[in-house]
Amino acid sequence: MNEKIFSVSMDSFAKNITSILPLIILVLVLIPLNSKNEIDIIESILPLALVFLVYLFCFLYRPIDYRTTDNKLIINRLIKKVILDKSEVLNVELLTNEDLKWTIRTFGVGGLFGYFGKFRNSKIGNMTWYATRRNHAILINLKDGQKIVITPDNPESLIVELI
């Protein structure tokens, strides 16, 4: 099996969101600890636990890298790798910033460890993103109508592997 690994890196917005959130969590922990009222502490811990779980979820489901084999594209994540058969790929295209203009997140993550989930814009329609940045985007159109967006650091090389 001939496997190639394509690295990913976060854009500055994703890096900032990802690094600032732990600081916010830390502040949210320290504020109630200074309170003498036990109710304040309990009321503050519950939202904090929810924020921590969101952070953990995003960490576990973020794209780590993309891998290609002779017949598969693997979107490598800590939990639930996404495996696409190359035979199911209809076409592949490099997207420009103009192509992605006015893209909205319909159900997903928009910056914390990257951009993944369901997105939409008027030009492309519904898409599933497994991305770490908002540029270097590759659109993979599958035969069943699904549209997948990935963002390797070197998109041209990955496109060559997919076609």
C-alpha atoms as a PDB file:
ATOM      1  CA  MET A   1       0.000   0.000   0.000  1.00  0.00           C
ATOM      2  CA  ASN A   2       1.418   3.341  -1.100  1.00  0.00           C
ATOM      3  CA  GLU A   3       0.399   5.881   1.570  1.00  0.00           C
ATOM      4  CA  LYS A   4       1.133   9.602   1.329  1.00  0.00           C
ATOM      5  CA  ILE A   5       0.562  12.003   4.209  1.00  0.00           C
ATOM      6  CA  PHE A   6      -0.491  15.615   3.665  1.00  0.00           C
ATOM      7  CA  SER A   7       0.045  18.000   6.552  1.00  0.00           C
ATOM      8  CA  VAL A   8      -2.454  20.559   7.791  1.00  0.00           C
ATOM      9  CA  SER A   9      -1.982  23.755   9.752  1.00  0.00           C
ATOM     10  CA  MET A  10      -4.434  26.166  11.286  1.00  0.00           C
ATOM     11  CA  ASP A  11      -4.897  29.694   9.994  1.00  0.00           C
ATOM     12  CA  SER A  12      -4.343  32.609  12.392  1.00  0.00           C
ATOM     13  CA  PHE A  13      -8.037  32.916  13.303  1.00  0.00           C
ATOM     14  CA  ALA A  14      -8.255  29.242  14.310  1.00  0.00           C
ATOM     15  CA  LYS A  15      -4.965  29.506  16.221  1.00  0.00           C
ATOM     16  CA  ASN A  16      -6.224  32.545  18.130  1.00  0.00           C
ATOM     17  CA  ILE A  17      -9.602  31.016  19.000  1.00  0.00           C
ATOM     18  CA  THR A  18      -7.971  27.749  20.032  1.00  0.00           C
ATOM     19  CA  SER A  19      -5.399  29.437  22.268  1.00  0.00           C
ATOM     20  CA  ILE A  20      -7.711  32.054  23.826  1.00  0.00           C
ATOM     21  CA  LEU A  21     -10.441  29.635  24.922  1.00  0.00           C
ATOM     22  CA  PRO A  22      -8.280  27.855  27.561  1.00  0.00           C
ATOM     23  CA  LEU A  23      -7.494  31.270  29.055  1.00  0.00           C
ATOM     24  CA  ILE A  24     -11.206  32.048  29.254  1.00  0.00           C
ATOM     25  CA  ILE A  25     -11.809  28.670  30.900  1.00  0.00           C
ATOM     26  CA  LEU A  26      -9.061  29.401  33.425  1.00  0.00           C
ATOM     27  CA  VAL A  27     -10.577  32.782  34.302  1.00  0.00           C
ATOM     28  CA  LEU A  28     -14.015  31.190  34.659  1.00  0.00           C
ATOM     29  CA  VAL A  29     -12.515  28.689  37.108  1.00  0.00           C
ATOM     30  CA  LEU A  30     -10.676  31.273  39.177  1.00  0.00           C
ATOM     31  CA  ILE A  31     -13.570  33.733  39.571  1.00  0.00           C
ATOM     32  CA  PRO A  32     -15.932  31.374  41.441  1.00  0.00           C
ATOM     33  CA  LEU A  33     -13.094  30.037  43.576  1.00  0.00           C
ATOM     34  CA  ASN A  34     -12.733  33.525  45.050  1.00  0.00           C
ATOM     35  CA  SER A  35     -16.401  33.531  46.054  1.00  0.00           C
ATOM     36  CA  LYS A  36     -17.447  32.628  49.595  1.00  0.00           C
ATOM     37  CA  ASN A  37     -20.882  31.518  48.362  1.00  0.00           C
ATOM     38  CA  GLU A  38     -21.105  27.797  47.500  1.00  0.00           C
ATOM     39  CA  ILE A  39     -24.062  28.400  45.159  1.00  0.00           C
ATOM     40  CA  ASP A  40     -21.913  30.735  43.014  1.00  0.00           C
ATOM     41  CA  ILE A  41     -19.251  28.064  42.740  1.00  0.00           C
ATOM     42  CA  ILE A  42     -21.722  25.348  41.656  1.00  0.00           C
ATOM     43  CA  GLU A  43     -23.504  27.667  39.189  1.00  0.00           C
ATOM     44  CA  SER A  44     -20.160  28.581  37.612  1.00  0.00           C
ATOM     45  CA  ILE A  45     -18.813  25.047  37.365  1.00  0.00           C
ATOM     46  CA  LEU A  46     -21.707  23.728  35.229  1.00  0.00           C
ATOM     47  CA  PRO A  47     -21.239  26.146  32.306  1.00  0.00           C
ATOM     48  CA  LEU A  48     -17.496  25.673  32.631  1.00  0.00           C
ATOM     49  CA  ALA A  49     -17.908  21.904  32.298  1.00  0.00           C
ATOM     50  CA  LEU A  50     -20.000  22.436  29.157  1.00  0.00           C
ATOM     51  CA  VAL A  51     -17.340  24.707  27.612  1.00  0.00           C
ATOM     52  CA  PHE A  52     -14.657  22.161  28.475  1.00  0.00           C
ATOM     53  CA  LEU A  53     -16.653  19.370  26.798  1.00  0.00           C
ATOM     54  CA  VAL A  54     -17.041  21.466  23.633  1.00  0.00           C
ATOM     55  CA  TYR A  55     -13.300  22.128  23.643  1.00  0.00           C
ATOM     56  CA  LEU A  56     -12.565  18.411  24.095  1.00  0.00           C
ATOM     57  CA  PHE A  57     -15.029  17.440  21.337  1.00  0.00           C
ATOM     58  CA  CYS A  58     -13.385  19.858  18.906  1.00  0.00           C
ATOM     59  CA  PHE A  59      -9.921  18.593  19.831  1.00  0.00           C
ATOM     60  CA  LEU A  60     -10.893  14.969  19.215  1.00  0.00           C
ATOM     61  CA  TYR A  61     -12.678  15.602  15.887  1.00  0.00           C
ATOM     62  CA  ARG A  62     -10.199  18.062  14.340  1.00  0.00           C
ATOM     63  CA  PRO A  63      -8.386  17.020  11.177  1.00  0.00           C
ATOM     64  CA  ILE A  64      -4.840  15.914  12.017  1.00  0.00           C
ATOM     65  CA  ASP A  65      -3.740  15.233   8.448  1.00  0.00           C
ATOM     66  CA  TYR A  66      -4.981  13.826   5.157  1.00  0.00           C
ATOM     67  CA  ARG A  67      -3.675  10.539   3.793  1.00  0.00           C
ATOM     68  CA  THR A  68      -3.996   8.925   0.427  1.00  0.00           C
ATOM     69  CA  THR A  69      -3.513   5.301  -0.485  1.00  0.00           C
ATOM     70  CA  ASP A  70      -3.868   3.686  -3.878  1.00  0.00           C
ATOM     71  CA  ASN A  71      -7.659   3.744  -3.595  1.00  0.00           C
ATOM     72  CA  LYS A  72      -8.630   5.824  -0.532  1.00  0.00           C
ATOM     73  CA  LEU A  73      -8.546   9.332   0.926  1.00  0.00           C
ATOM     74  CA  ILE A  74      -8.371   9.259   4.711  1.00  0.00           C
ATOM     75  CA  ILE A  75      -9.195  12.312   6.787  1.00  0.00           C
ATOM     76  CA  ASN A  76      -7.237  11.454   9.895  1.00  0.00           C
ATOM     77  CA  ARG A  77      -8.802  12.481  13.232  1.00  0.00           C
ATOM     78  CA  LEU A  78      -8.318  11.202  16.771  1.00  0.00           C
ATOM     79  CA  ILE A  79     -11.880   9.870  16.722  1.00  0.00           C
ATOM     80  CA  LYS A  80     -13.800   8.566  13.725  1.00  0.00           C
ATOM     81  CA  LYS A  81     -11.511   8.839  10.729  1.00  0.00           C
ATOM     82  CA  VAL A  82     -13.315   9.688   7.497  1.00  0.00           C
ATOM     83  CA  ILE A  83     -12.481   7.291   4.674  1.00  0.00           C
ATOM     84  CA  LEU A  84     -13.480   8.051   1.098  1.00  0.00           C
ATOM     85  CA  ASP A  85     -13.019   5.665  -1.835  1.00  0.00           C
ATOM     86  CA  LYS A  86     -11.244   7.409  -4.693  1.00  0.00           C
ATOM     87  CA  SER A  87     -13.599   5.571  -7.057  1.00  0.00           C
ATOM     88  CA  GLU A  88     -16.479   7.602  -5.579  1.00  0.00           C
ATOM     89  CA  VAL A  89     -14.828  10.937  -6.472  1.00  0.00           C
ATOM     90  CA  LEU A  90     -16.583  12.642  -9.379  1.00  0.00           C
ATOM     91  CA  ASN A  91     -14.186  15.599  -9.588  1.00  0.00           C
ATOM     92  CA  VAL A  92     -11.838  17.725  -7.526  1.00  0.00           C
ATOM     93  CA  GLU A  93     -11.240  21.456  -7.728  1.00  0.00           C
ATOM     94  CA  LEU A  94      -9.122  24.052  -5.971  1.00  0.00           C
ATOM     95  CA  LEU A  95     -11.356  26.714  -4.435  1.00  0.00           C
ATOM     96  CA  THR A  96     -10.530  30.403  -4.341  1.00  0.00           C
ATOM     97  CA  ASN A  97     -11.429  32.900  -1.641  1.00  0.00           C
ATOM     98  CA  GLU A  98     -14.075  34.195  -4.044  1.00  0.00           C
ATOM     99  CA  ASP A  99     -15.619  30.701  -4.277  1.00  0.00           C
ATOM    100  CA  LEU A 100     -15.938  30.592  -0.488  1.00  0.00           C
ATOM    101  CA  LYS A 101     -17.239  34.138  -0.088  1.00  0.00           C
ATOM    102  CA  TRP A 102     -20.413  34.296   1.990  1.00  0.00           C
ATOM    103  CA  THR A 103     -20.069  30.724   3.229  1.00  0.00           C
ATOM    104  CA  ILE A 104     -22.059  30.169   6.402  1.00  0.00           C
ATOM    105  CA  ARG A 105     -21.745  27.489   9.018  1.00  0.00           C
ATOM    106  CA  THR A 106     -25.054  25.641   9.351  1.00  0.00           C
ATOM    107  CA  PHE A 107     -23.943  23.075  11.945  1.00  0.00           C
ATOM    108  CA  GLY A 108     -20.325  22.812  12.849  1.00  0.00           C
ATOM    109  CA  VAL A 109     -17.210  24.398  14.262  1.00  0.00           C
ATOM    110  CA  GLY A 110     -16.009  27.746  12.987  1.00  0.00           C
ATOM    111  CA  GLY A 111     -12.503  28.251  14.330  1.00  0.00           C
ATOM    112  CA  LEU A 112     -11.844  26.064  17.365  1.00  0.00           C
ATOM    113  CA  PHE A 113      -9.117  23.696  16.097  1.00  0.00           C
ATOM    114  CA  GLY A 114     -10.314  24.434  12.574  1.00  0.00           C
ATOM    115  CA  TYR A 115     -13.539  24.410  10.604  1.00  0.00           C
ATOM    116  CA  PHE A 116     -15.512  21.198  10.403  1.00  0.00           C
ATOM    117  CA  GLY A 117     -19.122  20.244  10.039  1.00  0.00           C
ATOM    118  CA  LYS A 118     -21.861  21.463   7.715  1.00  0.00           C
ATOM    119  CA  PHE A 119     -21.433  24.676   5.726  1.00  0.00           C
ATOM    120  CA  ARG A 120     -23.285  26.318   2.827  1.00  0.00           C
ATOM    121  CA  ASN A 121     -22.945  29.049   0.265  1.00  0.00           C
ATOM    122  CA  SER A 122     -25.012  30.081  -2.738  1.00  0.00           C
ATOM    123  CA  LYS A 123     -22.384  29.125  -5.332  1.00  0.00           C
ATOM    124  CA  ILE A 124     -21.465  25.612  -4.117  1.00  0.00           C
ATOM    125  CA  GLY A 125     -24.462  24.666  -1.979  1.00  0.00           C
ATOM    126  CA  ASN A 126     -24.206  22.366   1.032  1.00  0.00           C
ATOM    127  CA  MET A 127     -20.729  21.128   1.959  1.00  0.00           C
ATOM    128  CA  THR A 128     -19.092  19.111   4.707  1.00  0.00           C
ATOM    129  CA  TRP A 129     -15.829  20.647   5.846  1.00  0.00           C
ATOM    130  CA  TYR A 130     -12.845  18.870   7.387  1.00  0.00           C
ATOM    131  CA  ALA A 131     -10.611  21.934   7.367  1.00  0.00           C
ATOM    132  CA  THR A 132      -8.060  23.725   9.500  1.00  0.00           C
ATOM    133  CA  ARG A 133      -7.952  26.969   7.556  1.00  0.00           C
ATOM    134  CA  ARG A 134     -10.083  29.153   5.319  1.00  0.00           C
ATOM    135  CA  ASN A 135      -7.727  29.017   2.324  1.00  0.00           C
ATOM    136  CA  HIS A 136      -5.976  26.202   0.418  1.00  0.00           C
ATOM    137  CA  ALA A 137      -9.435  24.664   0.067  1.00  0.00           C
ATOM    138  CA  ILE A 138     -10.127  21.686  -2.149  1.00  0.00           C
ATOM    139  CA  LEU A 139     -13.697  20.774  -3.085  1.00  0.00           C
ATOM    140  CA  ILE A 140     -14.253  17.057  -3.606  1.00  0.00           C
ATOM    141  CA  ASN A 141     -17.502  16.274  -5.401  1.00  0.00           C
ATOM    142  CA  LEU A 142     -18.626  12.706  -4.822  1.00  0.00           C
ATOM    143  CA  LYS A 143     -20.800  10.666  -7.165  1.00  0.00           C
ATOM    144  CA  ASP A 144     -23.599  10.558  -4.578  1.00  0.00           C
ATOM    145  CA  GLY A 145     -23.814  14.386  -4.559  1.00  0.00           C
ATOM    146  CA  GLN A 146     -21.869  15.007  -1.363  1.00  0.00           C
ATOM    147  CA  LYS A 147     -19.397  17.884  -1.361  1.00  0.00           C
ATOM    148  CA  ILE A 148     -16.362  17.621   0.898  1.00  0.00           C
ATOM    149  CA  VAL A 149     -13.943  20.482   1.614  1.00  0.00           C
ATOM    150  CA  ILE A 150     -10.437  19.818   2.913  1.00  0.00           C
ATOM    151  CA  THR A 151      -7.487  22.193   3.356  1.00  0.00           C
ATOM    152  CA  PRO A 152      -4.059  20.573   3.094  1.00  0.00           C
ATOM    153  CA  ASP A 153      -0.980  22.776   3.367  1.00  0.00           C
ATOM    154  CA  ASN A 154      -0.054  21.743  -0.185  1.00  0.00           C
ATOM    155  CA  PRO A 155      -3.385  21.434  -2.031  1.00  0.00           C
ATOM    156  CA  GLU A 156      -1.944  20.978  -5.518  1.00  0.00           C
ATOM    157  CA  SER A 157      -0.083  17.807  -4.497  1.00  0.00           C
ATOM    158  CA  LEU A 158      -3.170  16.295  -2.921  1.00  0.00           C
ATOM    159  CA  ILE A 159      -5.276  17.074  -5.998  1.00  0.00           C
ATOM    160  CA  VAL A 160      -2.776  15.147  -8.122  1.00  0.00           C
ATOM    161  CA  GLU A 161      -3.211  12.143  -5.811  1.00  0.00           C
ATOM    162  CA  LEU A 162      -7.012  12.258  -6.088  1.00  0.00           C
ATOM    163  CA  ILE A 163      -7.335  12.474  -9.869  1.00  0.00           C
END
